[in-house]
Structures are given as structure tokens and as C-alpha cells.
């Protein structure tokens, strides 16, 4: 993790001081603002990820076991030259919600340089994380409060949207 990057540094400071945004869902969804949420999240997503490369952080890969759905398991198993059953035995476990997730954290496919060795076939949850772009933002409202604790970009996107909402 590049702790000197301004967005990562700000995020780490907020984590340490416990000032991570609370009640995000309630604050962002006052009234019927679906169109605004879609547009604002897409715009803020583009702005923030224009300043931060995930390879500078990779905290999500180091701290969150992603859900790996059936199509993901088939695709990754094929890529690795394994049967689906062998892939599941070696890499998958069930979480407390009964979801299939990667067994280990940090992810076994995360390299020392923060690259993903299965990037081309990574799980859908990884491709879409931190779920801050457009309709994905709305569909995943319930997880933003957790994601800001793992992703500096997510925190900045949410913070920017809350500031815009005040105007």
C-alpha cells in the first residue's frame, strides 16, 4: 500500500481517528434521488479513479474475501486448468451468509506488486468493487458503509457525494 498517496493517507487518518462516514445509506437516499445518485456516483467514480490506481493500494484484496459465484468458479477453474470441484476444494469456503468466497485473505492470487494473477478471469465481485459506478452504486447501497473501511477511493467518492448533496 502506498501510504504516501494523498487519498490513501487521508483514508488511513480517518480510519485511525474513527471518522469514517456513518449512516451513508440514510444520508444519500433522502427522498427519491435515483437519477442523481446514478449520475453523481458515475462522475465521482471517474474523478477519484482518475487520481488513484488500485495497484497503489490493493487493500480490498488484502482484507475482503470476495464472493465467487458459479460462473466465476467455472471460469477461474478453466483458467487454472483445474476441475471446478478441485478449484472449490482448494480455494473456496462458505462464509457466515452461506456465500462461496475465497478461502484466504489476503487473496492467494494477489502478487507482491499488488497485481492479480487471475485478473483476466477474476470474480465479478472483484471486477465491480467498490460498487461505486452508476446503477451498481444503487444496487449495492447496503455495503458502502463497510467498503469505505477497506477502500480509500470508496470513502472519497462517498464523501464527495455527501458534499455535493449539501449544495
N, C-alpha and C. Protein backbone atom coordinates (compact mmCIF):
# COMPACT_ATOMS: atom_id res chain seq x y z
N UNK A 1 0.85 -1.17 0.00
CA UNK A 1 0.00 0.00 0.00
C UNK A 1 0.89 1.24 0.00
N UNK A 2 0.61 2.16 -0.89
CA UNK A 2 1.37 3.41 -0.98
C UNK A 2 0.80 4.41 0.02
N UNK A 3 1.29 4.37 1.25
CA UNK A 3 0.75 5.20 2.32
C UNK A 3 1.01 6.69 2.12
N UNK A 4 1.84 7.04 1.14
CA UNK A 4 2.11 8.45 0.86
C UNK A 4 1.15 9.06 -0.15
N UNK A 5 0.38 8.22 -0.84
CA UNK A 5 -0.60 8.74 -1.79
C UNK A 5 -1.62 9.55 -1.01
N UNK A 6 -1.96 10.78 -1.45
CA UNK A 6 -2.87 11.63 -0.67
C UNK A 6 -4.22 10.99 -0.32
N UNK A 7 -4.83 10.28 -1.25
CA UNK A 7 -6.11 9.65 -0.96
C UNK A 7 -5.97 8.52 0.05
N UNK A 8 -4.91 7.75 -0.07
CA UNK A 8 -4.69 6.65 0.86
C UNK A 8 -4.32 7.20 2.24
N UNK A 9 -3.50 8.24 2.27
CA UNK A 9 -3.11 8.88 3.53
C UNK A 9 -4.33 9.44 4.27
N UNK A 10 -5.20 10.13 3.54
CA UNK A 10 -6.43 10.69 4.12
C UNK A 10 -7.30 9.56 4.67
N UNK A 11 -7.45 8.51 3.90
CA UNK A 11 -8.26 7.36 4.32
C UNK A 11 -7.70 6.71 5.58
N UNK A 12 -6.39 6.50 5.64
CA UNK A 12 -5.76 5.90 6.81
C UNK A 12 -5.95 6.78 8.05
N UNK A 13 -5.83 8.09 7.88
CA UNK A 13 -6.05 9.01 9.00
C UNK A 13 -7.48 8.91 9.51
N UNK A 14 -8.44 8.83 8.61
CA UNK A 14 -9.84 8.72 9.01
C UNK A 14 -10.12 7.38 9.68
N UNK A 15 -9.46 6.33 9.22
CA UNK A 15 -9.61 5.03 9.87
C UNK A 15 -9.08 5.09 11.30
N UNK A 16 -7.90 5.70 11.46
CA UNK A 16 -7.28 5.79 12.79
C UNK A 16 -8.11 6.64 13.74
N UNK A 17 -8.70 7.71 13.21
CA UNK A 17 -9.45 8.62 14.09
C UNK A 17 -10.94 8.25 14.16
N UNK A 18 -11.30 7.16 13.51
CA UNK A 18 -12.69 6.67 13.54
C UNK A 18 -13.69 7.67 12.96
N UNK A 19 -13.26 8.44 11.96
CA UNK A 19 -14.19 9.39 11.34
C UNK A 19 -14.70 8.90 10.00
N UNK A 20 -14.72 7.59 9.83
CA UNK A 20 -15.30 7.02 8.62
C UNK A 20 -16.79 7.37 8.61
N UNK A 21 -17.27 7.76 7.43
CA UNK A 21 -18.65 8.17 7.28
C UNK A 21 -19.62 7.12 7.81
N UNK A 22 -20.59 7.56 8.61
CA UNK A 22 -21.61 6.67 9.15
C UNK A 22 -22.95 7.01 8.52
N UNK A 23 -23.84 6.06 8.53
CA UNK A 23 -25.20 6.23 8.01
C UNK A 23 -25.20 6.72 6.56
N UNK A 24 -24.31 6.19 5.77
CA UNK A 24 -24.19 6.59 4.37
C UNK A 24 -25.49 6.37 3.62
N UNK A 25 -26.04 5.19 3.77
CA UNK A 25 -27.26 4.86 3.04
C UNK A 25 -28.38 5.83 3.36
N UNK A 26 -28.59 6.09 4.64
CA UNK A 26 -29.66 7.01 5.03
C UNK A 26 -29.41 8.41 4.51
N UNK A 27 -28.19 8.87 4.60
CA UNK A 27 -27.87 10.24 4.20
C UNK A 27 -27.96 10.43 2.70
N UNK A 28 -27.57 9.43 1.96
CA UNK A 28 -27.58 9.57 0.50
C UNK A 28 -28.94 9.32 -0.13
N UNK A 29 -29.81 8.63 0.56
CA UNK A 29 -31.08 8.24 -0.06
C UNK A 29 -32.28 9.01 0.47
N UNK A 30 -32.03 10.17 1.03
CA UNK A 30 -33.17 11.01 1.46
C UNK A 30 -33.94 11.43 0.22
N UNK A 31 -35.22 11.12 0.19
CA UNK A 31 -36.02 11.46 -0.98
C UNK A 31 -35.74 10.50 -2.12
N UNK A 32 -36.40 10.70 -3.22
CA UNK A 32 -36.23 9.85 -4.39
C UNK A 32 -35.21 10.50 -5.31
N UNK A 33 -33.97 10.06 -5.22
CA UNK A 33 -32.89 10.68 -5.98
C UNK A 33 -32.14 9.69 -6.86
N UNK A 34 -32.81 8.70 -7.36
CA UNK A 34 -32.14 7.66 -8.13
C UNK A 34 -31.30 8.24 -9.26
N UNK A 35 -31.88 9.11 -10.04
CA UNK A 35 -31.14 9.68 -11.18
C UNK A 35 -29.90 10.42 -10.70
N UNK A 36 -30.05 11.22 -9.65
CA UNK A 36 -28.90 11.97 -9.13
C UNK A 36 -27.83 11.01 -8.62
N UNK A 37 -28.22 9.97 -7.88
CA UNK A 37 -27.25 9.02 -7.35
C UNK A 37 -26.48 8.32 -8.46
N UNK A 38 -27.17 7.94 -9.52
CA UNK A 38 -26.51 7.27 -10.65
C UNK A 38 -25.51 8.22 -11.31
N UNK A 39 -25.94 9.44 -11.58
CA UNK A 39 -25.07 10.40 -12.26
C UNK A 39 -23.91 10.84 -11.37
N UNK A 40 -24.20 11.15 -10.12
CA UNK A 40 -23.15 11.62 -9.22
C UNK A 40 -22.13 10.52 -8.93
N UNK A 41 -22.61 9.30 -8.72
CA UNK A 41 -21.67 8.21 -8.43
C UNK A 41 -20.77 7.93 -9.63
N UNK A 42 -21.35 7.95 -10.83
CA UNK A 42 -20.54 7.72 -12.04
C UNK A 42 -19.47 8.80 -12.20
N UNK A 43 -19.89 10.04 -11.98
CA UNK A 43 -18.95 11.16 -12.13
C UNK A 43 -17.85 11.09 -11.08
N UNK A 44 -18.23 10.88 -9.82
CA UNK A 44 -17.23 10.82 -8.75
C UNK A 44 -16.33 9.60 -8.89
N UNK A 45 -16.88 8.50 -9.33
CA UNK A 45 -16.09 7.29 -9.59
C UNK A 45 -14.98 7.61 -10.60
N UNK A 46 -15.35 8.26 -11.69
CA UNK A 46 -14.37 8.60 -12.74
C UNK A 46 -13.31 9.57 -12.21
N UNK A 47 -13.74 10.57 -11.45
CA UNK A 47 -12.80 11.56 -10.91
C UNK A 47 -11.81 10.89 -9.96
N UNK A 48 -12.32 10.14 -9.01
CA UNK A 48 -11.46 9.55 -7.98
C UNK A 48 -10.52 8.50 -8.58
N UNK A 49 -11.04 7.63 -9.45
CA UNK A 49 -10.17 6.62 -10.03
C UNK A 49 -9.25 7.20 -11.10
N UNK A 50 -9.48 8.46 -11.48
CA UNK A 50 -8.52 9.17 -12.32
C UNK A 50 -7.30 9.61 -11.52
N UNK A 51 -7.44 9.65 -10.20
CA UNK A 51 -6.35 10.07 -9.31
C UNK A 51 -5.70 8.90 -8.56
N UNK A 52 -6.39 7.78 -8.46
CA UNK A 52 -5.89 6.66 -7.67
C UNK A 52 -5.92 5.38 -8.49
N UNK A 53 -4.77 4.74 -8.58
CA UNK A 53 -4.66 3.44 -9.23
C UNK A 53 -4.78 2.37 -8.15
N UNK A 54 -5.66 1.42 -8.34
CA UNK A 54 -5.86 0.37 -7.34
C UNK A 54 -4.57 -0.38 -6.99
N UNK A 55 -3.63 -0.41 -7.90
CA UNK A 55 -2.37 -1.10 -7.63
C UNK A 55 -1.56 -0.40 -6.55
N UNK A 56 -1.90 0.85 -6.24
CA UNK A 56 -1.21 1.56 -5.16
C UNK A 56 -1.73 1.16 -3.79
N UNK A 57 -2.84 0.43 -3.76
CA UNK A 57 -3.49 0.11 -2.50
C UNK A 57 -3.70 -1.40 -2.35
N UNK A 58 -4.63 -1.95 -3.10
CA UNK A 58 -4.99 -3.38 -3.07
C UNK A 58 -5.47 -3.83 -1.69
N UNK A 59 -5.95 -2.90 -0.88
CA UNK A 59 -6.43 -3.27 0.45
C UNK A 59 -7.64 -4.19 0.36
N UNK A 60 -8.47 -4.01 -0.66
CA UNK A 60 -9.62 -4.90 -0.82
C UNK A 60 -9.16 -6.34 -0.96
N UNK A 61 -8.14 -6.57 -1.74
CA UNK A 61 -7.62 -7.93 -1.97
C UNK A 61 -6.92 -8.48 -0.72
N UNK A 62 -6.49 -7.57 0.13
CA UNK A 62 -5.79 -7.97 1.35
C UNK A 62 -6.70 -8.19 2.54
N UNK A 63 -7.95 -7.68 2.44
CA UNK A 63 -8.80 -7.71 3.63
C UNK A 63 -10.20 -8.28 3.44
N UNK A 64 -10.68 -8.42 2.20
CA UNK A 64 -12.05 -8.87 1.96
C UNK A 64 -12.05 -10.12 1.08
N UNK A 65 -12.57 -11.24 1.56
CA UNK A 65 -12.69 -12.39 0.67
C UNK A 65 -13.89 -12.18 -0.27
N UNK A 66 -13.65 -12.11 -1.58
CA UNK A 66 -14.76 -11.85 -2.50
C UNK A 66 -15.69 -13.05 -2.66
N UNK A 67 -16.95 -12.73 -2.94
CA UNK A 67 -17.90 -13.78 -3.32
C UNK A 67 -17.48 -14.30 -4.69
N UNK A 68 -17.52 -15.60 -4.85
CA UNK A 68 -17.15 -16.24 -6.11
C UNK A 68 -18.34 -17.07 -6.54
N UNK A 69 -19.11 -16.55 -7.52
CA UNK A 69 -20.33 -17.24 -7.96
C UNK A 69 -20.00 -18.42 -8.87
N UNK A 70 -21.02 -19.18 -9.27
CA UNK A 70 -20.80 -20.37 -10.09
C UNK A 70 -20.08 -20.06 -11.41
N UNK A 71 -20.54 -19.04 -12.19
CA UNK A 71 -19.81 -18.74 -13.42
C UNK A 71 -18.35 -18.36 -13.15
N UNK A 72 -18.11 -17.63 -12.06
CA UNK A 72 -16.73 -17.28 -11.69
C UNK A 72 -15.91 -18.53 -11.44
N UNK A 73 -16.47 -19.46 -10.68
CA UNK A 73 -15.74 -20.68 -10.33
C UNK A 73 -15.40 -21.50 -11.58
N UNK A 74 -16.35 -21.60 -12.50
CA UNK A 74 -16.09 -22.34 -13.75
C UNK A 74 -14.99 -21.66 -14.57
N UNK A 75 -15.09 -20.35 -14.69
CA UNK A 75 -14.14 -19.58 -15.50
C UNK A 75 -12.72 -19.65 -14.90
N UNK A 76 -12.62 -19.46 -13.60
CA UNK A 76 -11.31 -19.46 -12.95
C UNK A 76 -10.71 -20.87 -12.97
N UNK A 77 -11.53 -21.88 -12.70
CA UNK A 77 -11.05 -23.26 -12.73
C UNK A 77 -10.47 -23.59 -14.10
N UNK A 78 -11.19 -23.23 -15.14
CA UNK A 78 -10.71 -23.49 -16.50
C UNK A 78 -9.38 -22.78 -16.74
N UNK A 79 -9.30 -21.53 -16.34
CA UNK A 79 -8.08 -20.72 -16.50
C UNK A 79 -6.90 -21.37 -15.79
N UNK A 80 -7.16 -21.94 -14.61
CA UNK A 80 -6.09 -22.58 -13.83
C UNK A 80 -5.84 -24.03 -14.24
N UNK A 81 -6.66 -24.55 -15.14
CA UNK A 81 -6.50 -25.93 -15.58
C UNK A 81 -6.95 -26.94 -14.53
N UNK A 82 -7.94 -26.55 -13.75
CA UNK A 82 -8.48 -27.42 -12.69
C UNK A 82 -9.93 -27.76 -12.99
N UNK A 83 -10.39 -28.83 -12.39
CA UNK A 83 -11.82 -29.09 -12.43
C UNK A 83 -12.48 -28.09 -11.48
N UNK A 84 -13.76 -27.85 -11.67
CA UNK A 84 -14.48 -26.94 -10.78
C UNK A 84 -14.42 -27.48 -9.35
N UNK A 85 -14.58 -28.79 -9.21
CA UNK A 85 -14.56 -29.41 -7.88
C UNK A 85 -13.20 -29.19 -7.20
N UNK A 86 -12.13 -29.38 -7.94
CA UNK A 86 -10.79 -29.19 -7.39
C UNK A 86 -10.56 -27.73 -7.01
N UNK A 87 -11.02 -26.82 -7.88
CA UNK A 87 -10.89 -25.39 -7.57
C UNK A 87 -11.63 -25.05 -6.28
N UNK A 88 -12.86 -25.55 -6.18
CA UNK A 88 -13.67 -25.27 -4.99
C UNK A 88 -13.01 -25.83 -3.73
N UNK A 89 -12.46 -27.04 -3.82
CA UNK A 89 -11.81 -27.65 -2.65
C UNK A 89 -10.58 -26.86 -2.23
N UNK A 90 -9.82 -26.39 -3.20
CA UNK A 90 -8.56 -25.70 -2.91
C UNK A 90 -8.73 -24.23 -2.53
N UNK A 91 -9.74 -23.57 -3.08
CA UNK A 91 -9.80 -22.11 -2.97
C UNK A 91 -11.07 -21.52 -2.36
N UNK A 92 -12.12 -22.30 -2.21
CA UNK A 92 -13.42 -21.74 -1.81
C UNK A 92 -13.86 -22.25 -0.45
N UNK A 93 -14.50 -21.34 0.30
CA UNK A 93 -15.16 -21.73 1.55
C UNK A 93 -16.50 -21.00 1.60
N UNK A 94 -17.35 -21.39 2.53
CA UNK A 94 -18.63 -20.73 2.72
C UNK A 94 -18.49 -19.74 3.87
N UNK A 95 -19.01 -18.52 3.67
CA UNK A 95 -18.98 -17.54 4.75
C UNK A 95 -20.22 -17.68 5.64
N UNK A 96 -20.37 -16.81 6.61
CA UNK A 96 -21.48 -16.90 7.57
C UNK A 96 -22.85 -16.72 6.91
N UNK A 97 -22.88 -16.11 5.72
CA UNK A 97 -24.14 -15.94 4.99
C UNK A 97 -24.41 -17.09 4.02
N UNK A 98 -23.48 -18.04 3.95
CA UNK A 98 -23.64 -19.17 3.03
C UNK A 98 -23.14 -18.88 1.63
N UNK A 99 -22.45 -17.74 1.46
CA UNK A 99 -21.89 -17.39 0.15
C UNK A 99 -20.55 -18.08 -0.06
N UNK A 100 -20.27 -18.47 -1.29
CA UNK A 100 -18.97 -19.03 -1.64
C UNK A 100 -17.99 -17.87 -1.78
N UNK A 101 -16.91 -17.94 -1.00
CA UNK A 101 -15.90 -16.88 -1.01
C UNK A 101 -14.51 -17.50 -1.11
N UNK A 102 -13.54 -16.67 -1.46
CA UNK A 102 -12.16 -17.13 -1.47
C UNK A 102 -11.78 -17.51 -0.03
N UNK A 103 -11.04 -18.62 0.11
CA UNK A 103 -10.67 -19.16 1.43
C UNK A 103 -9.73 -18.26 2.22
N UNK A 104 -8.82 -17.64 1.53
CA UNK A 104 -7.76 -16.93 2.24
C UNK A 104 -7.82 -15.42 2.03
N UNK A 105 -7.38 -14.72 3.05
CA UNK A 105 -7.19 -13.28 3.00
C UNK A 105 -5.83 -13.02 3.59
N UNK A 106 -4.94 -12.36 2.88
CA UNK A 106 -5.13 -11.80 1.55
C UNK A 106 -5.37 -12.88 0.50
N UNK A 107 -5.93 -12.44 -0.60
CA UNK A 107 -6.25 -13.36 -1.68
C UNK A 107 -4.99 -14.07 -2.16
N UNK A 108 -5.11 -15.35 -2.36
CA UNK A 108 -3.99 -16.16 -2.82
C UNK A 108 -3.48 -15.71 -4.20
N UNK A 109 -4.32 -15.04 -4.96
CA UNK A 109 -3.93 -14.61 -6.30
C UNK A 109 -3.33 -13.20 -6.34
N UNK A 110 -3.22 -12.56 -5.18
CA UNK A 110 -2.62 -11.22 -5.08
C UNK A 110 -1.11 -11.33 -5.04
N UNK A 111 -0.44 -10.67 -5.99
CA UNK A 111 1.02 -10.68 -6.03
C UNK A 111 1.63 -9.62 -5.13
N UNK A 112 2.92 -9.73 -4.88
CA UNK A 112 3.63 -8.77 -4.04
C UNK A 112 3.57 -7.36 -4.62
N UNK A 113 3.39 -7.27 -5.93
CA UNK A 113 3.30 -5.96 -6.60
C UNK A 113 1.85 -5.48 -6.71
N UNK A 114 0.95 -6.12 -5.97
CA UNK A 114 -0.48 -5.80 -5.95
C UNK A 114 -1.22 -6.15 -7.23
N UNK A 115 -0.61 -6.92 -8.10
CA UNK A 115 -1.32 -7.37 -9.30
C UNK A 115 -2.03 -8.69 -8.99
N UNK A 116 -3.02 -8.98 -9.81
CA UNK A 116 -3.81 -10.19 -9.65
C UNK A 116 -3.39 -11.20 -10.71
N UNK A 117 -3.02 -12.37 -10.28
CA UNK A 117 -2.55 -13.37 -11.24
C UNK A 117 -3.69 -13.98 -12.07
N UNK A 118 -4.94 -13.72 -11.67
CA UNK A 118 -6.08 -14.20 -12.47
C UNK A 118 -6.93 -13.02 -12.94
N UNK A 119 -6.31 -11.87 -13.12
CA UNK A 119 -7.02 -10.63 -13.42
C UNK A 119 -8.02 -10.78 -14.57
N UNK A 120 -7.61 -11.46 -15.63
CA UNK A 120 -8.47 -11.61 -16.82
C UNK A 120 -9.76 -12.37 -16.51
N UNK A 121 -9.74 -13.21 -15.49
CA UNK A 121 -10.90 -14.04 -15.17
C UNK A 121 -11.36 -13.84 -13.72
N UNK A 122 -10.95 -12.76 -13.10
CA UNK A 122 -11.27 -12.52 -11.69
C UNK A 122 -12.78 -12.54 -11.45
N UNK A 123 -13.17 -12.79 -10.20
CA UNK A 123 -14.60 -12.84 -9.88
C UNK A 123 -15.33 -11.53 -10.18
N UNK A 124 -16.62 -11.65 -10.43
CA UNK A 124 -17.47 -10.49 -10.68
C UNK A 124 -17.37 -9.48 -9.52
N UNK A 125 -17.35 -9.98 -8.30
CA UNK A 125 -17.25 -9.10 -7.13
C UNK A 125 -15.99 -8.26 -7.18
N UNK A 126 -14.91 -8.81 -7.67
CA UNK A 126 -13.65 -8.07 -7.81
C UNK A 126 -13.74 -7.06 -8.95
N UNK A 127 -14.32 -7.47 -10.06
CA UNK A 127 -14.45 -6.56 -11.21
C UNK A 127 -15.28 -5.34 -10.87
N UNK A 128 -16.28 -5.51 -10.03
CA UNK A 128 -17.20 -4.41 -9.74
C UNK A 128 -16.85 -3.62 -8.49
N UNK A 129 -15.96 -4.13 -7.65
CA UNK A 129 -15.59 -3.44 -6.43
C UNK A 129 -14.98 -2.08 -6.76
N UNK A 130 -15.32 -1.01 -6.04
CA UNK A 130 -16.09 -0.92 -4.80
C UNK A 130 -17.57 -0.59 -5.03
N UNK A 131 -18.08 -0.93 -6.18
CA UNK A 131 -19.52 -0.79 -6.46
C UNK A 131 -19.98 0.68 -6.39
N UNK A 132 -19.17 1.55 -6.94
CA UNK A 132 -19.46 2.98 -6.84
C UNK A 132 -19.78 3.63 -8.19
N UNK A 133 -19.99 2.84 -9.20
CA UNK A 133 -20.21 3.39 -10.53
C UNK A 133 -21.65 3.16 -11.00
N UNK A 134 -22.40 4.24 -11.18
CA UNK A 134 -23.73 4.18 -11.77
C UNK A 134 -24.73 3.35 -11.00
N UNK A 135 -25.45 2.51 -11.72
CA UNK A 135 -26.50 1.70 -11.11
C UNK A 135 -25.95 0.71 -10.09
N UNK A 136 -24.71 0.28 -10.28
CA UNK A 136 -24.10 -0.61 -9.30
C UNK A 136 -24.06 0.07 -7.93
N UNK A 137 -23.88 1.39 -7.92
CA UNK A 137 -23.87 2.15 -6.67
C UNK A 137 -25.18 1.96 -5.92
N UNK A 138 -26.29 2.09 -6.62
CA UNK A 138 -27.61 1.96 -6.01
C UNK A 138 -27.90 0.52 -5.62
N UNK A 139 -27.54 -0.41 -6.47
CA UNK A 139 -27.80 -1.82 -6.19
C UNK A 139 -27.02 -2.32 -4.97
N UNK A 140 -25.94 -1.65 -4.65
CA UNK A 140 -25.08 -2.10 -3.55
C UNK A 140 -25.07 -1.11 -2.38
N UNK A 141 -26.11 -0.32 -2.23
CA UNK A 141 -26.14 0.69 -1.16
C UNK A 141 -25.83 0.12 0.22
N UNK A 142 -26.30 -1.07 0.47
CA UNK A 142 -26.14 -1.65 1.80
C UNK A 142 -24.68 -1.94 2.17
N UNK A 143 -23.78 -2.01 1.22
CA UNK A 143 -22.40 -2.37 1.54
C UNK A 143 -21.42 -1.20 1.55
N UNK A 144 -21.88 0.00 1.17
CA UNK A 144 -20.96 1.14 1.12
C UNK A 144 -20.36 1.48 2.48
N UNK A 145 -21.14 1.34 3.55
CA UNK A 145 -20.60 1.64 4.88
C UNK A 145 -19.45 0.71 5.24
N UNK A 146 -19.49 -0.53 4.77
CA UNK A 146 -18.37 -1.45 5.00
C UNK A 146 -17.22 -1.16 4.04
N UNK A 147 -17.55 -0.88 2.79
CA UNK A 147 -16.50 -0.68 1.79
C UNK A 147 -15.61 0.51 2.09
N UNK A 148 -16.16 1.57 2.68
CA UNK A 148 -15.32 2.74 2.98
C UNK A 148 -14.24 2.38 4.01
N UNK A 149 -14.42 1.30 4.74
CA UNK A 149 -13.43 0.87 5.71
C UNK A 149 -12.30 0.08 5.06
N UNK A 150 -12.49 -0.30 3.80
CA UNK A 150 -11.49 -1.09 3.08
C UNK A 150 -10.91 -0.38 1.87
N UNK A 151 -11.56 0.69 1.42
CA UNK A 151 -11.18 1.29 0.13
C UNK A 151 -11.14 2.82 0.22
N UNK A 152 -9.94 3.40 0.09
CA UNK A 152 -9.84 4.86 0.13
C UNK A 152 -10.62 5.54 -0.99
N UNK A 153 -10.69 4.93 -2.15
CA UNK A 153 -11.45 5.52 -3.26
C UNK A 153 -12.93 5.55 -2.92
N UNK A 154 -13.42 4.48 -2.33
CA UNK A 154 -14.82 4.43 -1.94
C UNK A 154 -15.15 5.53 -0.95
N UNK A 155 -14.30 5.71 0.04
CA UNK A 155 -14.53 6.78 1.02
C UNK A 155 -14.56 8.14 0.35
N UNK A 156 -13.63 8.39 -0.55
CA UNK A 156 -13.58 9.70 -1.22
C UNK A 156 -14.82 9.91 -2.09
N UNK A 157 -15.24 8.89 -2.81
CA UNK A 157 -16.44 9.00 -3.65
C UNK A 157 -17.66 9.33 -2.79
N UNK A 158 -17.83 8.60 -1.71
CA UNK A 158 -18.96 8.83 -0.81
C UNK A 158 -18.89 10.23 -0.20
N UNK A 159 -17.71 10.60 0.29
CA UNK A 159 -17.53 11.92 0.90
C UNK A 159 -17.86 13.03 -0.11
N UNK A 160 -17.37 12.89 -1.32
CA UNK A 160 -17.65 13.89 -2.36
C UNK A 160 -19.15 13.97 -2.64
N UNK A 161 -19.81 12.82 -2.70
CA UNK A 161 -21.25 12.82 -2.98
C UNK A 161 -22.03 13.48 -1.84
N UNK A 162 -21.62 13.21 -0.61
CA UNK A 162 -22.30 13.84 0.53
C UNK A 162 -22.11 15.36 0.50
N UNK A 163 -20.93 15.81 0.11
CA UNK A 163 -20.68 17.25 0.00
C UNK A 163 -21.52 17.86 -1.12
N UNK A 164 -21.62 17.18 -2.24
CA UNK A 164 -22.44 17.67 -3.36
C UNK A 164 -23.90 17.73 -2.97
N UNK A 165 -24.31 16.78 -2.17
CA UNK A 165 -25.71 16.70 -1.76
C UNK A 165 -26.10 17.90 -0.88
N UNK A 166 -25.14 18.43 -0.13
CA UNK A 166 -25.40 19.57 0.74
C UNK A 166 -25.68 20.85 -0.06
N UNK A 167 -25.13 20.90 -1.26
CA UNK A 167 -25.27 22.13 -2.08
C UNK A 167 -26.66 22.30 -2.64
